[in-house]
Amino acid sequence: MSVHHDPDCLFCKIVEGAIPSTKVYEDELCYAFRDIAPQAPTHILVVPKEHIPSCAQVTDDNAALVGHIFTVIAKIAADEGLTNGYRVISNVGPDAGQTVPHLHFHILGGKRMPDQMV
């Protein structure tokens, strides 16, 4: 299977192994790794191996990939022992705080989250 990568994308470089990361999960479609600046005791990023800039570029053609990522998120959360709950966040664009233009989902857990969004 051929996967589109952006040679300038930080997360594409992490998926390819050009930049080291602490891998939590990997399959043929996605890669999950620990955030280097965690905002909770458990803070894991899940990214598609295919370069998709953000949720704004989710289409009928790649929706199954995004659905698969959510099954992976549930598996990772269970494996991490997040039985009391967790938060899943995806920022879209600079106004939302997206700093890497590659679709990614933050899994945050291991503590009681504040009632307001992060």
Protein backbone atom coordinates (compact mmCIF):
# COMPACT_ATOMS: atom_id res chain seq x y z
CA MET A 1 0.00 0.00 0.00
CA SER A 2 1.37 3.41 -1.00
CA VAL A 3 0.96 6.10 1.65
CA HIS A 4 1.27 9.81 0.88
CA HIS A 5 3.82 11.61 3.07
CA ASP A 6 4.77 15.27 3.27
CA PRO A 7 8.60 15.45 3.46
CA ASP A 8 8.39 18.64 5.55
CA CYS A 9 5.84 17.29 8.07
CA LEU A 10 7.06 16.55 11.60
CA PHE A 11 4.55 13.72 12.13
CA CYS A 12 5.33 12.13 8.74
CA LYS A 13 8.99 12.09 9.83
CA ILE A 14 8.02 10.46 13.14
CA VAL A 15 5.92 7.82 11.34
CA GLU A 16 8.86 7.08 9.01
CA GLY A 17 11.24 6.76 11.97
CA ALA A 18 13.39 9.72 10.89
CA ILE A 19 12.57 11.44 14.20
CA PRO A 20 12.53 9.27 17.34
CA SER A 21 9.37 8.80 19.38
CA THR A 22 8.08 6.59 22.16
CA LYS A 23 5.78 4.26 20.23
CA VAL A 24 2.64 3.05 21.95
CA TYR A 25 0.90 1.39 18.99
CA GLU A 26 1.38 0.84 15.27
CA ASP A 27 -0.48 -0.90 12.48
CA GLU A 28 -0.60 -0.49 8.71
CA LEU A 29 -2.85 2.59 8.95
CA CYS A 30 -1.85 4.56 12.02
CA TYR A 31 0.87 5.24 14.57
CA ALA A 32 0.54 6.29 18.24
CA PHE A 33 3.26 7.78 20.43
CA ARG A 34 3.66 9.60 23.74
CA ASP A 35 3.56 13.40 23.63
CA ILE A 36 6.93 14.98 24.45
CA ALA A 37 5.23 17.72 26.50
CA PRO A 38 2.41 15.82 28.25
CA GLN A 39 -0.55 17.79 29.60
CA ALA A 40 -1.87 14.82 31.62
CA PRO A 41 -0.34 11.69 33.17
CA THR A 42 -1.31 9.87 29.97
CA HIS A 43 -0.91 11.96 26.81
CA ILE A 44 -0.68 10.00 23.58
CA LEU A 45 -0.96 11.21 19.99
CA VAL A 46 -2.57 9.01 17.35
CA VAL A 47 -1.85 9.90 13.72
CA PRO A 48 -2.76 8.34 10.39
CA LYS A 49 0.26 7.19 8.39
CA GLU A 50 -1.34 8.92 5.42
CA HIS A 51 -0.68 12.67 5.43
CA ILE A 52 -4.03 14.38 6.04
CA PRO A 53 -3.62 18.01 7.18
CA SER A 54 -6.54 18.12 9.67
CA CYS A 55 -10.14 17.12 10.37
CA ALA A 56 -11.13 19.71 7.74
CA GLN A 57 -9.76 17.33 5.09
CA VAL A 58 -11.68 14.24 6.24
CA THR A 59 -13.70 13.03 3.26
CA ASP A 60 -15.82 10.05 2.29
CA ASP A 61 -12.63 8.56 0.81
CA ASN A 62 -10.66 8.62 4.09
CA ALA A 63 -13.50 8.39 6.64
CA ALA A 64 -12.91 4.66 7.17
CA LEU A 65 -9.32 5.45 8.18
CA VAL A 66 -10.54 7.96 10.76
CA GLY A 67 -13.08 5.41 12.05
CA HIS A 68 -10.26 2.89 12.41
CA ILE A 69 -8.24 5.44 14.40
CA PHE A 70 -11.11 5.74 16.87
CA THR A 71 -11.13 1.96 17.41
CA VAL A 72 -7.39 2.23 18.06
CA ILE A 73 -7.97 5.09 20.51
CA ALA A 74 -10.38 2.90 22.51
CA LYS A 75 -7.85 0.04 22.54
CA ILE A 76 -5.00 2.31 23.65
CA ALA A 77 -7.14 3.85 26.40
CA ALA A 78 -8.03 0.38 27.70
CA ASP A 79 -4.39 -0.77 27.50
CA GLU A 80 -3.33 2.38 29.41
CA GLY A 81 -5.88 1.65 32.17
CA LEU A 82 -7.96 4.78 31.55
CA THR A 83 -11.04 3.09 33.01
CA ASN A 84 -12.35 6.26 34.66
CA GLY A 85 -12.45 8.20 31.38
CA TYR A 86 -10.26 10.14 29.02
CA ARG A 87 -10.45 13.07 26.63
CA VAL A 88 -9.88 12.93 22.85
CA ILE A 89 -8.99 16.22 21.16
CA SER A 90 -8.14 17.21 17.61
CA ASN A 91 -7.29 20.84 16.93
CA VAL A 92 -8.10 22.18 13.46
CA GLY A 93 -6.13 25.18 12.22
CA PRO A 94 -4.10 27.87 13.94
CA ASP A 95 -7.02 29.49 15.79
CA ALA A 96 -7.65 26.15 17.52
CA GLY A 97 -3.97 25.71 18.39
CA GLN A 98 -3.01 23.14 15.73
CA THR A 99 0.78 23.41 15.57
CA VAL A 100 1.49 20.41 13.31
CA PRO A 101 -0.57 20.32 10.09
CA HIS A 102 -1.08 16.54 10.14
CA LEU A 103 -4.32 15.07 11.45
CA HIS A 104 -3.79 13.85 15.00
CA PHE A 105 -5.84 12.97 18.03
CA HIS A 106 -4.67 13.61 21.59
CA ILE A 107 -5.63 11.00 24.17
CA LEU A 108 -5.50 12.67 27.59
CA GLY A 109 -6.20 10.83 30.81
CA GLY A 110 -4.97 9.56 34.11
CA LYS A 111 -6.42 12.45 36.10
CA ARG A 112 -9.70 14.30 36.52
CA MET A 113 -9.97 16.75 33.63
CA PRO A 114 -11.20 20.28 34.27
CA ASP A 115 -14.81 20.90 33.31
CA GLN A 116 -13.78 23.53 30.76
CA MET A 117 -12.08 22.45 27.54
CA VAL A 118 -8.29 22.69 27.32
